[in-house]
Structures are given as structure tokens and as C-alpha cells.
């Protein structure tokens, strides 16, 4: 089953990273306040990055790696997709 890593841009210009099987559905959960605690106080504007993985463990490894990046490094990743 495919998993996707995604990065959201929020209204206060921060970036949120997560994984999901269905990115659009997960985005709507974030919008409605049923997503992560972070996106309840930092409302998401749009999906700015997605990457597909063959399984959950690969997606989780990439999520952990990306969360360690600086905002500048994340922005470079988004710009180069």
C-alpha cells in the first residue's frame, strides 16, 4: 500500500510535515481541525510538497529526516521538486 509524505504551508508561514495514504483527505482533516495538534493552531493553507513511498516505514523514515531540516532546507526541497 502506497504512503505519501506531504508538507503543508500554514497561514503563519510555517511548514508542517506528515504522512498519509490519501493526502487530500488528510489535508481536509487538518483544515477541519481534526488533524494534528500543530495544525489546529497553525491553520494550513495548501499542500506544497508530496512524495510517494512504497510502504509506511519508508515514508516515516523520510518524515523523520525532513523534520530535522531547517526551514531553509525544507524550502529548498519544495522549490526543487
PDB file of N, CA and C in Angstrom:
ATOM      1  N   UNK A   1       0.844  -1.190   0.000  1.00  0.00           N
ATOM      2  CA  UNK A   1       0.000   0.000   0.000  1.00  0.00           C
ATOM      3  C   UNK A   1       0.884   1.246   0.000  1.00  0.00           C
ATOM      4  N   UNK A   2       0.588   2.174  -0.861  1.00  0.00           N
ATOM      5  CA  UNK A   2       1.376   3.405  -1.002  1.00  0.00           C
ATOM      6  C   UNK A   2       1.113   4.371   0.157  1.00  0.00           C
ATOM      7  N   UNK A   3       2.167   5.066   0.540  1.00  0.00           N
ATOM      8  CA  UNK A   3       2.080   6.147   1.521  1.00  0.00           C
ATOM      9  C   UNK A   3       2.712   7.379   0.909  1.00  0.00           C
ATOM     10  N   UNK A   4       2.286   8.529   1.382  1.00  0.00           N
ATOM     11  CA  UNK A   4       2.793   9.795   0.875  1.00  0.00           C
ATOM     12  C   UNK A   4       3.287  10.652   2.022  1.00  0.00           C
ATOM     13  N   UNK A   5       4.431  11.248   1.823  1.00  0.00           N
ATOM     14  CA  UNK A   5       4.919  12.279   2.719  1.00  0.00           C
ATOM     15  C   UNK A   5       4.411  13.596   2.140  1.00  0.00           C
ATOM     16  N   UNK A   6       3.963  14.496   2.990  1.00  0.00           N
ATOM     17  CA  UNK A   6       3.481  15.788   2.498  1.00  0.00           C
ATOM     18  C   UNK A   6       3.970  16.907   3.401  1.00  0.00           C
ATOM     19  N   UNK A   7       4.070  18.095   2.816  1.00  0.00           N
ATOM     20  CA  UNK A   7       4.411  19.299   3.578  1.00  0.00           C
ATOM     21  C   UNK A   7       3.323  20.324   3.300  1.00  0.00           C
ATOM     22  N   UNK A   8       2.801  20.912   4.375  1.00  0.00           N
ATOM     23  CA  UNK A   8       1.772  21.944   4.273  1.00  0.00           C
ATOM     24  C   UNK A   8       2.370  23.306   4.613  1.00  0.00           C
ATOM     25  N   UNK A   9       1.908  24.319   3.923  1.00  0.00           N
ATOM     26  CA  UNK A   9       2.213  25.707   4.276  1.00  0.00           C
ATOM     27  C   UNK A   9       1.058  26.208   5.127  1.00  0.00           C
ATOM     28  N   UNK A  10       1.368  26.864   6.247  1.00  0.00           N
ATOM     29  CA  UNK A  10       0.319  27.354   7.142  1.00  0.00           C
ATOM     30  C   UNK A  10       0.144  28.868   7.002  1.00  0.00           C
ATOM     31  N   UNK A  11      -0.940  29.388   7.582  1.00  0.00           N
ATOM     32  CA  UNK A  11      -1.245  30.823   7.471  1.00  0.00           C
ATOM     33  C   UNK A  11      -0.159  31.705   8.073  1.00  0.00           C
ATOM     34  N   UNK A  12       0.567  31.177   9.051  1.00  0.00           N
ATOM     35  CA  UNK A  12       1.635  31.971   9.667  1.00  0.00           C
ATOM     36  C   UNK A  12       3.005  31.654   9.053  1.00  0.00           C
ATOM     37  N   UNK A  13       2.975  31.112   7.828  1.00  0.00           N
ATOM     38  CA  UNK A  13       4.177  30.866   7.027  1.00  0.00           C
ATOM     39  C   UNK A  13       5.127  29.838   7.653  1.00  0.00           C
ATOM     40  N   UNK A  14       4.565  28.851   8.353  1.00  0.00           N
ATOM     41  CA  UNK A  14       5.370  27.733   8.839  1.00  0.00           C
ATOM     42  C   UNK A  14       5.086  26.532   7.946  1.00  0.00           C
ATOM     43  N   UNK A  15       5.926  25.508   8.070  1.00  0.00           N
ATOM     44  CA  UNK A  15       5.766  24.291   7.278  1.00  0.00           C
ATOM     45  C   UNK A  15       5.488  23.126   8.219  1.00  0.00           C
ATOM     46  N   UNK A  16       4.495  22.317   7.863  1.00  0.00           N
ATOM     47  CA  UNK A  16       4.136  21.135   8.646  1.00  0.00           C
ATOM     48  C   UNK A  16       4.350  19.903   7.777  1.00  0.00           C
ATOM     49  N   UNK A  17       5.009  18.898   8.314  1.00  0.00           N
ATOM     50  CA  UNK A  17       5.319  17.671   7.578  1.00  0.00           C
ATOM     51  C   UNK A  17       4.577  16.494   8.198  1.00  0.00           C
ATOM     52  N   UNK A  18       4.001  15.632   7.351  1.00  0.00           N
ATOM     53  CA  UNK A  18       3.319  14.440   7.831  1.00  0.00           C
ATOM     54  C   UNK A  18       3.283  13.378   6.758  1.00  0.00           C
ATOM     55  N   UNK A  19       2.676  12.225   7.097  1.00  0.00           N
ATOM     56  CA  UNK A  19       2.476  11.165   6.111  1.00  0.00           C
ATOM     57  C   UNK A  19       1.013  10.747   6.108  1.00  0.00           C
ATOM     58  N   UNK A  20       0.573  10.212   4.969  1.00  0.00           N
ATOM     59  CA  UNK A  20      -0.809   9.764   4.838  1.00  0.00           C
ATOM     60  C   UNK A  20      -0.931   8.847   3.635  1.00  0.00           C
ATOM     61  N   UNK A  21      -1.990   8.053   3.606  1.00  0.00           N
ATOM     62  CA  UNK A  21      -2.302   7.262   2.415  1.00  0.00           C
ATOM     63  C   UNK A  21      -3.014   8.124   1.383  1.00  0.00           C
ATOM     64  N   UNK A  22      -3.851   9.034   1.864  1.00  0.00           N
ATOM     65  CA  UNK A  22      -4.628   9.922   0.991  1.00  0.00           C
ATOM     66  C   UNK A  22      -4.357  11.363   1.442  1.00  0.00           C
ATOM     67  N   UNK A  23      -3.498  12.057   0.721  1.00  0.00           N
ATOM     68  CA  UNK A  23      -3.057  13.392   1.136  1.00  0.00           C
ATOM     69  C   UNK A  23      -4.205  14.395   1.123  1.00  0.00           C
ATOM     70  N   UNK A  24      -5.044  14.363   0.115  1.00  0.00           N
ATOM     71  CA  UNK A  24      -6.171  15.313   0.046  1.00  0.00           C
ATOM     72  C   UNK A  24      -7.124  15.122   1.227  1.00  0.00           C
ATOM     73  N   UNK A  25      -7.427  13.872   1.552  1.00  0.00           N
ATOM     74  CA  UNK A  25      -8.312  13.587   2.692  1.00  0.00           C
ATOM     75  C   UNK A  25      -7.671  14.071   3.994  1.00  0.00           C
ATOM     76  N   UNK A  26      -6.377  13.812   4.143  1.00  0.00           N
ATOM     77  CA  UNK A  26      -5.666  14.239   5.349  1.00  0.00           C
ATOM     78  C   UNK A  26      -5.612  15.763   5.445  1.00  0.00           C
ATOM     79  N   UNK A  27      -5.426  16.429   4.302  1.00  0.00           N
ATOM     80  CA  UNK A  27      -5.426  17.890   4.271  1.00  0.00           C
ATOM     81  C   UNK A  27      -6.771  18.421   4.770  1.00  0.00           C
ATOM     82  N   UNK A  28      -7.859  17.823   4.328  1.00  0.00           N
ATOM     83  CA  UNK A  28      -9.192  18.255   4.770  1.00  0.00           C
ATOM     84  C   UNK A  28      -9.366  18.021   6.275  1.00  0.00           C
ATOM     85  N   UNK A  29      -8.780  16.966   6.804  1.00  0.00           N
ATOM     86  CA  UNK A  29      -8.823  16.734   8.252  1.00  0.00           C
ATOM     87  C   UNK A  29      -8.080  17.855   8.987  1.00  0.00           C
ATOM     88  N   UNK A  30      -6.941  18.249   8.459  1.00  0.00           N
ATOM     89  CA  UNK A  30      -6.189  19.365   9.061  1.00  0.00           C
ATOM     90  C   UNK A  30      -7.021  20.648   9.004  1.00  0.00           C
ATOM     91  N   UNK A  31      -7.639  20.930   7.871  1.00  0.00           N
ATOM     92  CA  UNK A  31      -8.465  22.138   7.698  1.00  0.00           C
ATOM     93  C   UNK A  31      -9.616  22.164   8.707  1.00  0.00           C
ATOM     94  N   UNK A  32     -10.236  20.999   8.914  1.00  0.00           N
ATOM     95  CA  UNK A  32     -11.401  20.924   9.803  1.00  0.00           C
ATOM     96  C   UNK A  32     -11.032  20.880  11.283  1.00  0.00           C
ATOM     97  N   UNK A  33      -9.726  20.859  11.595  1.00  0.00           N
ATOM     98  CA  UNK A  33      -9.301  20.824  12.993  1.00  0.00           C
ATOM     99  C   UNK A  33      -9.177  19.424  13.550  1.00  0.00           C
ATOM    100  N   UNK A  34      -9.342  18.399  12.703  1.00  0.00           N
ATOM    101  CA  UNK A  34      -9.252  17.008  13.154  1.00  0.00           C
ATOM    102  C   UNK A  34      -7.922  16.374  12.796  1.00  0.00           C
ATOM    103  N   UNK A  35      -6.975  17.194  12.343  1.00  0.00           N
ATOM    104  CA  UNK A  35      -5.639  16.695  12.004  1.00  0.00           C
ATOM    105  C   UNK A  35      -4.745  16.742  13.229  1.00  0.00           C
ATOM    106  N   UNK A  36      -3.521  17.114  13.031  1.00  0.00           N
ATOM    107  CA  UNK A  36      -2.548  17.181  14.120  1.00  0.00           C
ATOM    108  C   UNK A  36      -2.806  18.380  15.036  1.00  0.00           C
ATOM    109  N   UNK A  37      -2.342  18.268  16.257  1.00  0.00           N
ATOM    110  CA  UNK A  37      -2.475  19.366  17.219  1.00  0.00           C
ATOM    111  C   UNK A  37      -1.836  20.647  16.666  1.00  0.00           C
ATOM    112  N   UNK A  38      -0.688  20.512  16.003  1.00  0.00           N
ATOM    113  CA  UNK A  38       0.018  21.678  15.456  1.00  0.00           C
ATOM    114  C   UNK A  38      -0.855  22.442  14.470  1.00  0.00           C
ATOM    115  N   UNK A  39      -1.559  21.734  13.597  1.00  0.00           N
ATOM    116  CA  UNK A  39      -2.358  22.419  12.571  1.00  0.00           C
ATOM    117  C   UNK A  39      -3.678  22.962  13.108  1.00  0.00           C
ATOM    118  N   UNK A  40      -4.002  22.660  14.338  1.00  0.00           N
ATOM    119  CA  UNK A  40      -5.184  23.297  14.942  1.00  0.00           C
ATOM    120  C   UNK A  40      -4.885  24.752  15.272  1.00  0.00           C
ATOM    121  N   UNK A  41      -3.644  25.034  15.647  1.00  0.00           N
ATOM    122  CA  UNK A  41      -3.269  26.419  15.978  1.00  0.00           C
ATOM    123  C   UNK A  41      -2.508  27.115  14.856  1.00  0.00           C
ATOM    124  N   UNK A  42      -2.067  26.358  13.861  1.00  0.00           N
ATOM    125  CA  UNK A  42      -1.364  26.900  12.693  1.00  0.00           C
ATOM    126  C   UNK A  42      -2.143  26.408  11.467  1.00  0.00           C
ATOM    127  N   UNK A  43      -3.199  27.118  11.103  1.00  0.00           N
ATOM    128  CA  UNK A  43      -4.107  26.669  10.044  1.00  0.00           C
ATOM    129  C   UNK A  43      -3.393  26.474   8.709  1.00  0.00           C
ATOM    130  N   UNK A  44      -3.579  25.308   8.103  1.00  0.00           N
ATOM    131  CA  UNK A  44      -2.926  25.043   6.820  1.00  0.00           C
ATOM    132  C   UNK A  44      -3.584  25.801   5.664  1.00  0.00           C
ATOM    133  N   UNK A  45      -2.747  26.284   4.746  1.00  0.00           N
ATOM    134  CA  UNK A  45      -3.224  26.982   3.545  1.00  0.00           C
ATOM    135  C   UNK A  45      -3.259  26.062   2.337  1.00  0.00           C
ATOM    136  N   UNK A  46      -2.145  25.342   2.133  1.00  0.00           N
ATOM    137  CA  UNK A  46      -2.077  24.487   0.948  1.00  0.00           C
ATOM    138  C   UNK A  46      -0.995  23.436   1.108  1.00  0.00           C
ATOM    139  N   UNK A  47      -1.099  22.414   0.274  1.00  0.00           N
ATOM    140  CA  UNK A  47      -0.097  21.364   0.195  1.00  0.00           C
ATOM    141  C   UNK A  47       1.000  21.880  -0.741  1.00  0.00           C
ATOM    142  N   UNK A  48       2.231  21.912  -0.258  1.00  0.00           N
ATOM    143  CA  UNK A  48       3.322  22.454  -1.081  1.00  0.00           C
ATOM    144  C   UNK A  48       4.309  21.381  -1.554  1.00  0.00           C
ATOM    145  N   UNK A  49       4.187  20.162  -1.010  1.00  0.00           N
ATOM    146  CA  UNK A  49       5.126  19.106  -1.394  1.00  0.00           C
ATOM    147  C   UNK A  49       4.505  17.755  -1.108  1.00  0.00           C
ATOM    148  N   UNK A  50       4.691  16.814  -2.021  1.00  0.00           N
ATOM    149  CA  UNK A  50       4.313  15.420  -1.776  1.00  0.00           C
ATOM    150  C   UNK A  50       5.356  14.505  -2.399  1.00  0.00           C
ATOM    151  N   UNK A  51       5.525  13.349  -1.790  1.00  0.00           N
ATOM    152  CA  UNK A  51       6.427  12.332  -2.322  1.00  0.00           C
ATOM    153  C   UNK A  51       5.834  10.968  -1.988  1.00  0.00           C
ATOM    154  N   UNK A  52       5.811  10.079  -2.974  1.00  0.00           N
ATOM    155  CA  UNK A  52       5.207   8.753  -2.817  1.00  0.00           C
ATOM    156  C   UNK A  52       6.238   7.733  -2.344  1.00  0.00           C
ATOM    157  N   UNK A  53       5.772   6.807  -1.473  1.00  0.00           N
ATOM    158  CA  UNK A  53       6.602   5.721  -0.967  1.00  0.00           C
ATOM    159  C   UNK A  53       5.851   4.408  -1.073  1.00  0.00           C
ATOM    160  N   UNK A  54       6.598   3.333  -1.192  1.00  0.00           N
ATOM    161  CA  UNK A  54       6.009   2.001  -1.342  1.00  0.00           C
ATOM    162  C   UNK A  54       5.382   1.484  -0.053  1.00  0.00           C
ATOM    163  N   UNK A  55       5.888   1.947   1.105  1.00  0.00           N
ATOM    164  CA  UNK A  55       5.335   1.461   2.373  1.00  0.00           C
ATOM    165  C   UNK A  55       5.460   2.525   3.463  1.00  0.00           C
ATOM    166  N   UNK A  56       4.817   2.252   4.565  1.00  0.00           N
ATOM    167  CA  UNK A  56       4.760   3.210   5.673  1.00  0.00           C
ATOM    168  C   UNK A  56       6.130   3.459   6.292  1.00  0.00           C
ATOM    169  N   UNK A  57       6.935   2.413   6.443  1.00  0.00           N
ATOM    170  CA  UNK A  57       8.227   2.604   7.110  1.00  0.00           C
ATOM    171  C   UNK A  57       9.146   3.525   6.311  1.00  0.00           C
ATOM    172  N   UNK A  58       9.132   3.427   4.974  1.00  0.00           N
ATOM    173  CA  UNK A  58       9.931   4.334   4.153  1.00  0.00           C
ATOM    174  C   UNK A  58       9.447   5.778   4.313  1.00  0.00           C
ATOM    175  N   UNK A  59       8.133   5.962   4.314  1.00  0.00           N
ATOM    176  CA  UNK A  59       7.561   7.304   4.479  1.00  0.00           C
ATOM    177  C   UNK A  59       7.907   7.883   5.853  1.00  0.00           C
ATOM    178  N   UNK A  60       7.842   7.068   6.885  1.00  0.00           N
ATOM    179  CA  UNK A  60       8.179   7.530   8.239  1.00  0.00           C
ATOM    180  C   UNK A  60       9.645   7.929   8.349  1.00  0.00           C
ATOM    181  N   UNK A  61      10.535   7.146   7.731  1.00  0.00           N
ATOM    182  CA  UNK A  61      11.961   7.484   7.752  1.00  0.00           C
ATOM    183  C   UNK A  61      12.200   8.852   7.098  1.00  0.00           C
ATOM    184  N   UNK A  62      11.536   9.077   5.972  1.00  0.00           N
ATOM    185  CA  UNK A  62      11.702  10.357   5.273  1.00  0.00           C
ATOM    186  C   UNK A  62      11.093  11.492   6.094  1.00  0.00           C
ATOM    187  N   UNK A  63       9.959  11.247   6.745  1.00  0.00           N
ATOM    188  CA  UNK A  63       9.341  12.273   7.597  1.00  0.00           C
ATOM    189  C   UNK A  63      10.303  12.682   8.713  1.00  0.00           C
ATOM    190  N   UNK A  64      10.912  11.716   9.351  1.00  0.00           N
ATOM    191  CA  UNK A  64      11.864  11.999  10.430  1.00  0.00           C
ATOM    192  C   UNK A  64      13.036  12.811   9.894  1.00  0.00           C
ATOM    193  N   UNK A  65      13.545  12.429   8.726  1.00  0.00           N
ATOM    194  CA  UNK A  65      14.666  13.150   8.121  1.00  0.00           C
ATOM    195  C   UNK A  65      14.289  14.601   7.818  1.00  0.00           C
ATOM    196  N   UNK A  66      13.126  14.806   7.230  1.00  0.00           N
ATOM    197  CA  UNK A  66      12.697  16.148   6.845  1.00  0.00           C
ATOM    198  C   UNK A  66      12.422  17.016   8.067  1.00  0.00           C
ATOM    199  N   UNK A  67      11.853  16.434   9.110  1.00  0.00           N
ATOM    200  CA  UNK A  67      11.571  17.220  10.313  1.00  0.00           C
ATOM    201  C   UNK A  67      12.842  17.743  10.973  1.00  0.00           C
ATOM    202  N   UNK A  68      13.974  17.123  10.691  1.00  0.00           N
ATOM    203  CA  UNK A  68      15.255  17.580  11.242  1.00  0.00           C
ATOM    204  C   UNK A  68      15.866  18.716  10.429  1.00  0.00           C
ATOM    205  N   UNK A  69      15.344  18.956   9.229  1.00  0.00           N
ATOM    206  CA  UNK A  69      15.881  20.005   8.367  1.00  0.00           C
ATOM    207  C   UNK A  69      15.475  21.393   8.868  1.00  0.00           C
ATOM    208  N   UNK A  70      16.280  22.381   8.536  1.00  0.00           N
ATOM    209  CA  UNK A  70      15.918  23.771   8.838  1.00  0.00           C
ATOM    210  C   UNK A  70      14.801  24.191   7.876  1.00  0.00           C
ATOM    211  N   UNK A  71      14.141  25.288   8.182  1.00  0.00           N
ATOM    212  CA  UNK A  71      13.093  25.787   7.283  1.00  0.00           C
ATOM    213  C   UNK A  71      13.669  26.096   5.902  1.00  0.00           C
ATOM    214  N   UNK A  72      14.857  26.652   5.878  1.00  0.00           N
ATOM    215  CA  UNK A  72      15.519  26.980   4.617  1.00  0.00           C
ATOM    216  C   UNK A  72      15.753  25.717   3.777  1.00  0.00           C
ATOM    217  N   UNK A  73      16.197  24.647   4.430  1.00  0.00           N
ATOM    218  CA  UNK A  73      16.437  23.375   3.734  1.00  0.00           C
ATOM    219  C   UNK A  73      15.126  22.767   3.239  1.00  0.00           C
ATOM    220  N   UNK A  74      14.075  22.877   4.051  1.00  0.00           N
ATOM    221  CA  UNK A  74      12.752  22.381   3.618  1.00  0.00           C
ATOM    222  C   UNK A  74      12.268  23.170   2.416  1.00  0.00           C
ATOM    223  N   UNK A  75      12.462  24.474   2.439  1.00  0.00           N
ATOM    224  CA  UNK A  75      12.028  25.318   1.325  1.00  0.00           C
ATOM    225  C   UNK A  75      12.789  24.949   0.052  1.00  0.00           C
ATOM    226  N   UNK A  76      14.060  24.653   0.180  1.00  0.00           N
ATOM    227  CA  UNK A  76      14.867  24.235  -0.978  1.00  0.00           C
ATOM    228  C   UNK A  76      14.320  22.917  -1.554  1.00  0.00           C
ATOM    229  N   UNK A  77      13.942  22.001  -0.680  1.00  0.00           N
ATOM    230  CA  UNK A  77      13.340  20.730  -1.106  1.00  0.00           C
ATOM    231  C   UNK A  77      12.042  20.986  -1.880  1.00  0.00           C
ATOM    232  N   UNK A  78      11.211  21.869  -1.365  1.00  0.00           N
ATOM    233  CA  UNK A  78       9.941  22.225  -2.009  1.00  0.00           C
ATOM    234  C   UNK A  78      10.198  22.871  -3.378  1.00  0.00           C
ATOM    235  N   UNK A  79      11.143  23.793  -3.413  1.00  0.00           N
ATOM    236  CA  UNK A  79      11.445  24.515  -4.658  1.00  0.00           C
ATOM    237  C   UNK A  79      12.005  23.610  -5.754  1.00  0.00           C
ATOM    238  N   UNK A  80      12.698  22.542  -5.340  1.00  0.00           N
ATOM    239  CA  UNK A  80      13.355  21.655  -6.303  1.00  0.00           C
ATOM    240  C   UNK A  80      12.543  20.425  -6.684  1.00  0.00           C
ATOM    241  N   UNK A  81      11.302  20.345  -6.267  1.00  0.00           N
ATOM    242  CA  UNK A  81      10.515  19.143  -6.595  1.00  0.00           C
ATOM    243  C   UNK A  81      10.094  19.093  -8.039  1.00  0.00           C
TER     244      UNK A  81
END
